[in-house]
Amino acid sequence: MCVVVAIVGWGAWFVHRHTTVIVPDSYALEWVGDLVLEYMNTHGDRWPKSWDDLNEPFKRHDGQPAHFEDLQRRVEVDWNADPGELAKTPDGAKPFRVIWLKDGGDWYWSGYEPNRRVWEYLNKGR
């Protein structure tokens, strides 16, 4: 009986964690990566300096302040990153970390790891 209770409890915790942390964090990381890339693409490859810079592309796609606040609560961005220096990172080297989850999580949708996507964007013509 204790084993069944433990399994059910673990399953409930797992589902709860997936639906309230891992999935929303993964979407937030994807969104912020997209916003950074769109900002760079429309601002001469300049790196955004604050969330205010990302609010512009965000409004074009969603525009709901509660969603933007959730992104800020979940994701951290290194506003001092230098795209020129980031582009010099060799392919296959340990990737730089300029966009990450505040809670220390390391989950993202396959193909949507934001730092790799930034590197690919910066090295698109090479």
Protein backbone atom coordinates (compact mmCIF):
# COMPACT_ATOMS: atom_id res chain seq x y z
CA MET A 1 0.00 0.00 0.00
CA CYS A 2 2.83 2.42 0.87
CA VAL A 3 4.45 1.74 -2.50
CA VAL A 4 1.23 2.61 -4.34
CA VAL A 5 0.85 5.83 -2.36
CA ALA A 6 4.48 6.72 -3.08
CA ILE A 7 4.08 6.05 -6.81
CA VAL A 8 0.84 8.04 -7.04
CA GLY A 9 2.40 10.89 -5.03
CA TRP A 10 5.49 10.95 -7.22
CA GLY A 11 3.32 10.88 -10.35
CA ALA A 12 1.22 13.79 -9.09
CA TRP A 13 4.36 15.79 -8.25
CA PHE A 14 5.85 14.99 -11.68
CA VAL A 15 2.72 16.12 -13.56
CA HIS A 16 2.44 19.24 -11.41
CA ARG A 17 6.10 20.16 -11.97
CA HIS A 18 5.82 19.59 -15.71
CA THR A 19 2.69 21.68 -16.11
CA THR A 20 3.65 24.54 -13.78
CA VAL A 21 7.43 24.79 -14.20
CA ILE A 22 9.11 22.83 -16.99
CA VAL A 23 6.65 23.48 -19.83
CA PRO A 24 6.11 27.19 -19.01
CA ASP A 25 9.88 27.67 -18.53
CA SER A 26 10.58 26.02 -21.88
CA TYR A 27 8.09 28.27 -23.64
CA ALA A 28 9.46 31.35 -21.86
CA LEU A 29 13.01 30.51 -22.90
CA GLU A 30 11.87 29.99 -26.51
CA TRP A 31 9.96 33.30 -26.49
CA VAL A 32 12.83 35.31 -25.07
CA GLY A 33 15.26 33.74 -27.54
CA ASP A 34 12.88 34.67 -30.37
CA LEU A 35 12.51 38.22 -29.05
CA VAL A 36 16.28 38.71 -28.81
CA LEU A 37 16.78 37.40 -32.34
CA GLU A 38 13.97 39.54 -33.74
CA TYR A 39 15.35 42.61 -31.98
CA MET A 40 18.82 41.95 -33.39
CA ASN A 41 17.42 41.30 -36.85
CA THR A 42 15.56 44.64 -36.85
CA HIS A 43 18.27 46.72 -35.13
CA GLY A 44 21.43 46.09 -37.13
CA ASP A 45 22.46 43.02 -35.10
CA ARG A 46 22.74 45.10 -31.92
CA TRP A 47 22.19 43.27 -28.63
CA PRO A 48 19.19 44.46 -26.57
CA LYS A 49 20.12 46.54 -23.53
CA SER A 50 17.04 45.82 -21.37
CA TRP A 51 13.59 44.28 -21.23
CA ASP A 52 12.34 47.59 -22.65
CA ASP A 53 14.09 46.73 -25.93
CA LEU A 54 12.37 43.32 -26.03
CA ASN A 55 8.98 44.82 -25.29
CA GLU A 56 8.86 46.27 -28.81
CA PRO A 57 9.00 42.91 -30.66
CA PHE A 58 6.84 41.31 -27.95
CA LYS A 59 4.01 43.76 -28.58
CA ARG A 60 4.04 42.85 -32.28
CA HIS A 61 3.30 39.21 -31.44
CA ASP A 62 1.40 39.00 -28.17
CA GLY A 63 1.23 42.29 -26.40
CA GLN A 64 -0.30 41.02 -23.16
CA PRO A 65 1.57 42.59 -20.24
CA ALA A 66 0.99 39.59 -17.96
CA HIS A 67 2.79 37.34 -20.44
CA PHE A 68 5.71 39.75 -20.71
CA GLU A 69 5.95 39.94 -16.93
CA ASP A 70 6.01 36.13 -16.78
CA LEU A 71 8.92 36.05 -19.23
CA GLN A 72 10.82 38.53 -17.06
CA ARG A 73 10.07 36.45 -13.95
CA ARG A 74 11.35 33.24 -15.53
CA VAL A 75 14.23 34.25 -17.81
CA GLU A 76 17.47 36.17 -17.32
CA VAL A 77 19.35 37.93 -20.12
CA ASP A 78 22.92 39.24 -20.02
CA TRP A 79 22.20 42.77 -21.22
CA ASN A 80 25.92 43.48 -21.55
CA ALA A 81 26.64 40.70 -24.03
CA ASP A 82 28.73 41.63 -27.06
CA PRO A 83 27.49 39.96 -30.26
CA GLY A 84 30.90 40.42 -31.88
CA GLU A 85 32.56 38.44 -29.11
CA LEU A 86 29.77 35.85 -29.03
CA ALA A 87 30.18 35.22 -32.75
CA LYS A 88 33.85 34.31 -32.21
CA THR A 89 32.89 31.26 -30.12
CA PRO A 90 34.00 28.21 -32.15
CA ASP A 91 31.28 25.79 -33.22
CA GLY A 92 31.25 22.85 -30.85
CA ALA A 93 32.91 24.79 -28.03
CA LYS A 94 31.14 25.17 -24.71
CA PRO A 95 28.37 27.62 -25.59
CA PHE A 96 28.18 31.02 -24.00
CA ARG A 97 25.35 31.70 -21.57
CA VAL A 98 23.59 34.97 -22.26
CA ILE A 99 19.98 33.76 -21.94
CA TRP A 100 19.02 31.35 -19.15
CA LEU A 101 16.31 30.33 -16.71
CA LYS A 102 16.38 32.17 -13.40
CA ASP A 103 15.45 29.05 -11.44
CA GLY A 104 18.57 27.27 -12.68
CA GLY A 105 16.61 24.83 -14.84
CA ASP A 106 18.18 23.55 -18.00
CA TRP A 107 15.19 22.55 -20.08
CA TYR A 108 14.13 23.82 -23.46
CA TRP A 109 12.41 22.55 -26.57
CA SER A 110 14.64 20.58 -28.90
CA GLY A 111 16.22 22.97 -31.37
CA TYR A 112 15.28 26.02 -29.30
CA GLU A 113 18.18 26.38 -26.89
CA PRO A 114 18.47 30.17 -27.06
CA ASN A 115 22.25 30.50 -26.74
CA ARG A 116 22.81 28.06 -29.61
CA ARG A 117 20.21 29.94 -31.68
CA VAL A 118 21.99 33.25 -31.00
CA TRP A 119 25.30 31.66 -32.07
CA GLU A 120 23.68 30.33 -35.27
CA TYR A 121 22.16 33.74 -36.02
CA LEU A 122 25.50 35.48 -35.53
CA ASN A 123 27.30 32.96 -37.74
CA LYS A 124 24.63 32.65 -40.45
CA GLY A 125 26.91 33.67 -43.30
CA ARG A 126 29.97 31.61 -42.39
